[in-house]
Amino acid sequence: MHSRGLFAHKEELAAAGYAIIGVSKDKQALQKKFADAQGLQFPLIADTETTLLQELGCWGEKVACGRKTIGILRTTYLVNEEGVIEKIFTPKEIKTKIHAEQILDYINK
């Protein structure tokens, strides 16, 4: 859902100077299968060792279905054309169904 919502607004994000890049712990073959099934056309980084995810602070303890688990902490980084992080949307801020609109609202304010 999250990926499709972002992809649906890909052109608006591109017009504002932003590109979508996803990062997942999944292997590249599984990511390709997911991207093909969802019709996604943006880069997906396979971080099977969670090195990048840990560096970004996107790997850690979370609660899923009432249980504590270790996994990806859904986070969005808005990085400008100079490579400067403008905004970090934390897991508590992200509303999956409207996240693209959250990003666009931030960009357009």
Protein backbone atom coordinates (compact mmCIF):
# COMPACT_ATOMS: atom_id res chain seq x y z
CA MET A 1 0.00 0.00 0.00
CA HIS A 2 2.71 2.47 1.01
CA SER A 3 4.78 1.88 -2.14
CA ARG A 4 1.80 2.16 -4.47
CA GLY A 5 0.68 5.39 -2.82
CA LEU A 6 4.09 6.93 -3.32
CA PHE A 7 4.34 5.65 -6.88
CA ALA A 8 0.91 7.11 -7.70
CA HIS A 9 2.39 10.54 -6.91
CA LYS A 10 5.74 9.91 -8.59
CA GLU A 11 5.27 12.66 -11.19
CA GLU A 12 4.30 15.28 -8.59
CA LEU A 13 7.31 14.34 -6.48
CA ALA A 14 9.59 14.46 -9.54
CA ALA A 15 8.24 17.89 -10.50
CA ALA A 16 9.22 19.08 -7.02
CA GLY A 17 12.72 17.63 -7.52
CA TYR A 18 12.40 14.36 -5.58
CA ALA A 19 12.84 10.72 -6.59
CA ILE A 20 11.56 7.61 -4.81
CA ILE A 21 14.07 4.99 -3.64
CA GLY A 22 13.04 2.08 -1.44
CA VAL A 23 15.20 0.05 0.93
CA SER A 24 14.31 -3.42 2.16
CA LYS A 25 16.00 -6.36 3.86
CA ASP A 26 14.60 -8.64 1.17
CA LYS A 27 16.84 -10.19 -1.47
CA GLN A 28 16.92 -8.54 -4.87
CA ALA A 29 14.94 -11.35 -6.57
CA LEU A 30 12.12 -11.03 -4.02
CA GLN A 31 12.10 -7.25 -4.43
CA LYS A 32 11.83 -7.59 -8.20
CA LYS A 33 8.91 -9.98 -7.81
CA PHE A 34 7.22 -7.50 -5.43
CA ALA A 35 7.90 -4.53 -7.73
CA ASP A 36 6.56 -6.41 -10.76
CA ALA A 37 3.43 -7.51 -8.89
CA GLN A 38 2.77 -3.95 -7.63
CA GLY A 39 3.72 -2.24 -10.89
CA LEU A 40 6.43 -0.21 -9.18
CA GLN A 41 9.05 1.51 -11.29
CA PHE A 42 11.55 2.96 -8.87
CA PRO A 43 14.79 1.62 -7.42
CA LEU A 44 14.63 -0.82 -4.53
CA ILE A 45 17.83 -1.36 -2.58
CA ALA A 46 18.38 -4.88 -1.24
CA ASP A 47 20.03 -4.47 2.18
CA THR A 48 20.03 -8.10 3.27
CA GLU A 49 22.60 -7.48 6.02
CA THR A 50 20.65 -4.39 7.27
CA THR A 51 23.82 -2.26 7.14
CA LEU A 52 22.17 0.73 5.46
CA LEU A 53 18.96 0.31 7.42
CA GLN A 54 20.91 0.41 10.69
CA GLU A 55 22.95 3.44 9.58
CA LEU A 56 19.73 5.26 8.73
CA GLY A 57 18.17 4.31 12.07
CA CYS A 58 15.47 2.32 10.27
CA TRP A 59 16.14 -1.08 11.85
CA GLY A 60 15.10 -1.85 15.38
CA GLU A 61 12.47 -2.97 17.84
CA LYS A 62 8.83 -2.40 17.00
CA VAL A 63 5.45 -3.79 17.97
CA ALA A 64 3.62 -5.78 15.30
CA CYS A 65 0.30 -7.48 16.04
CA GLY A 66 0.85 -6.90 19.76
CA ARG A 67 4.28 -8.56 19.77
CA LYS A 68 7.69 -6.97 20.05
CA THR A 69 9.85 -7.79 17.07
CA ILE A 70 12.96 -6.53 15.30
CA GLY A 71 12.47 -5.19 11.80
CA ILE A 72 12.25 -2.21 9.48
CA LEU A 73 11.00 0.99 11.07
CA ARG A 74 9.07 2.68 8.27
CA THR A 75 10.84 6.00 7.78
CA THR A 76 10.96 8.54 4.97
CA TYR A 77 13.88 10.86 4.33
CA LEU A 78 13.38 13.89 2.10
CA VAL A 79 16.78 14.65 0.62
CA ASN A 80 17.22 17.75 -1.52
CA GLU A 81 19.25 18.05 -4.71
CA GLU A 82 22.35 19.02 -2.70
CA GLY A 83 22.09 15.80 -0.68
CA VAL A 84 20.90 17.54 2.49
CA ILE A 85 18.18 15.83 4.54
CA GLU A 86 15.33 18.34 4.73
CA LYS A 87 12.84 16.26 6.68
CA ILE A 88 12.61 12.89 8.35
CA PHE A 89 9.15 11.35 8.64
CA THR A 90 9.32 8.98 11.60
CA PRO A 91 7.27 5.80 11.97
CA LYS A 92 4.87 7.59 14.34
CA GLU A 93 4.26 10.38 11.79
CA ILE A 94 3.69 8.20 8.72
CA LYS A 95 0.10 7.44 7.83
CA THR A 96 0.52 4.73 5.19
CA LYS A 97 -2.62 5.40 3.14
CA ILE A 98 -1.94 9.15 2.82
CA HIS A 99 1.83 9.30 3.14
CA ALA A 100 2.39 10.67 -0.36
CA GLU A 101 0.00 13.50 0.48
CA GLN A 102 1.89 14.09 3.75
CA ILE A 103 5.11 14.46 1.77
CA LEU A 104 3.54 16.75 -0.83
CA ASP A 105 1.94 18.89 1.89
CA TYR A 106 5.37 19.31 3.50
CA ILE A 107 7.05 20.14 0.18
CA ASN A 108 4.36 22.64 -0.84
CA LYS A 109 4.15 24.53 2.46
